[in-house]
Structures are given as structure tokens and as C-alpha cells.
Protein backbone atom coordinates (compact mmCIF):
# COMPACT_ATOMS: atom_id res chain seq x y z
CA UNK A 1 89.03 104.56 82.63
CA UNK A 2 86.16 104.27 84.84
CA UNK A 3 86.85 100.78 86.00
CA UNK A 4 90.26 102.11 87.04
CA UNK A 5 88.50 105.01 89.01
CA UNK A 6 85.95 102.71 90.85
CA UNK A 7 88.94 100.14 91.90
CA UNK A 8 91.46 102.46 92.85
CA UNK A 9 88.76 104.04 95.06
CA UNK A 10 88.20 100.02 96.17
CA UNK A 11 91.65 99.13 96.41
CA UNK A 12 92.28 102.13 98.83
CA UNK A 13 89.86 100.81 101.33
CA UNK A 14 87.20 103.01 100.89
CA UNK A 15 83.91 101.45 101.29
CA UNK A 16 82.02 101.30 97.81
CA UNK A 17 78.41 101.43 99.71
CA UNK A 18 79.15 104.84 100.68
CA UNK A 19 80.24 106.10 104.26
CA UNK A 20 83.90 106.95 104.55
CA UNK A 21 86.47 107.73 102.71
CA UNK A 22 90.06 108.17 102.47
CA UNK A 23 92.01 110.44 99.55
CA UNK A 24 95.60 108.57 100.88
CA UNK A 25 93.80 105.40 100.23
CA UNK A 26 92.34 106.26 96.89
CA UNK A 27 96.04 107.39 95.58
CA UNK A 28 97.63 104.10 96.81
CA UNK A 29 94.68 102.29 94.98
CA UNK A 30 95.65 104.31 91.71
CA UNK A 31 99.14 103.54 92.33
CA UNK A 32 97.94 99.94 92.82
CA UNK A 33 96.10 99.62 89.97
CA UNK A 34 98.46 101.31 87.47
CA UNK A 35 101.25 98.57 88.79
CA UNK A 36 98.63 95.96 87.98
CA UNK A 37 97.82 97.55 84.45
CA UNK A 38 101.56 97.72 83.72
CA UNK A 39 101.92 94.18 85.33
CA UNK A 40 99.52 92.88 82.86
CA UNK A 41 100.96 94.34 79.92
CA UNK A 42 104.18 93.26 80.52
CA UNK A 43 103.02 89.48 80.87
CA UNK A 44 101.49 90.22 77.22
CA UNK A 45 98.08 90.05 78.10
CA UNK A 46 95.76 91.39 75.55
CA UNK A 47 94.49 94.78 76.01
CA UNK A 48 91.04 93.57 75.61
CA UNK A 49 91.53 91.13 78.44
CA UNK A 50 92.73 93.78 80.71
CA UNK A 51 89.22 94.88 82.10
CA UNK A 52 88.70 91.54 82.59
CA UNK A 53 91.34 90.92 85.20
CA UNK A 54 90.13 94.22 86.72
CA UNK A 55 86.75 93.14 86.84
CA UNK A 56 87.49 90.36 88.69
CA UNK A 57 89.73 92.40 91.10
CA UNK A 58 86.89 94.55 91.90
CA UNK A 59 84.38 91.63 92.66
CA UNK A 60 86.81 90.17 94.64
CA UNK A 61 87.40 93.70 96.84
CA UNK A 62 83.17 94.23 96.95
CA UNK A 63 83.15 90.44 98.19
CA UNK A 64 85.52 91.26 101.23
CA UNK A 65 83.56 94.12 101.96
CA UNK A 66 80.52 92.57 101.92
CA UNK A 67 78.93 92.68 105.45
CA UNK A 68 78.39 88.45 104.94
CA UNK A 69 81.97 88.16 104.30
CA UNK A 70 82.48 90.15 107.69
CA UNK A 71 80.32 88.07 109.68
CA UNK A 72 81.41 84.41 108.48
CA UNK A 73 85.12 85.97 109.53
CA UNK A 74 83.62 86.85 113.03
CA UNK A 75 82.33 83.30 113.26
CA UNK A 76 85.60 81.66 112.09
CA UNK A 77 87.64 84.00 114.88
CA UNK A 78 85.20 82.92 117.54
CA UNK A 79 85.32 78.84 116.78
CA UNK A 80 89.11 79.12 116.59
CA UNK A 81 88.96 81.11 120.14
CA UNK A 82 86.63 78.90 121.57
CA UNK A 83 89.14 76.00 120.26
CA UNK A 84 92.37 77.79 122.02
CA UNK A 85 90.13 78.00 125.18
CA UNK A 86 89.28 74.47 125.44
CA UNK A 87 92.85 73.52 124.41
CA UNK A 88 94.27 75.68 126.95
CA UNK A 89 92.16 74.20 129.75
């Protein structure tokens, strides 16, 4: 149950490191995690394995929200802009 609450907040776009919070985002996250749970049960995934899949989703979200990932994404965009500028010239 605690994992569902953490996952709902993370999926909703709220920062796990603190700071910004969105109630609407958390509600959307709660609906999304419930849909994920229902889908996993519909696919006949055992109830022992469902938390593992949810934990994987939490790890992915935390990685996507990390400052290191943001820097990596920003550097990719800069490289793409430089490449587009060279091709235009």
C-alpha cells in the first residue's frame, strides 16, 4: 500500500526530493497506478510479483527526475541544435 502511494505521487509528476506538489497530478498518478495494477492482474501476474513491477516503475521515474538525467538530456538537445545549425549553414 505504501508503494502505491509513493508511485502515485511520482507518476503524478511530483518531485520525490521535495519542493513542488500537485494534487491533480497525484490523483492522475493514483488512477494510473490502479490501472497498472489491474492490468497486471488481468495478465495473470501473481500477487507476489506485482510489487516488483511497481518498484521497477518507481526506479525509472526517480531516474528520469534525477539531475544527472536532466543534464544528459540537455546535452543531447544542445548537440542536436548544433548539428541542425551546421546542416542549415
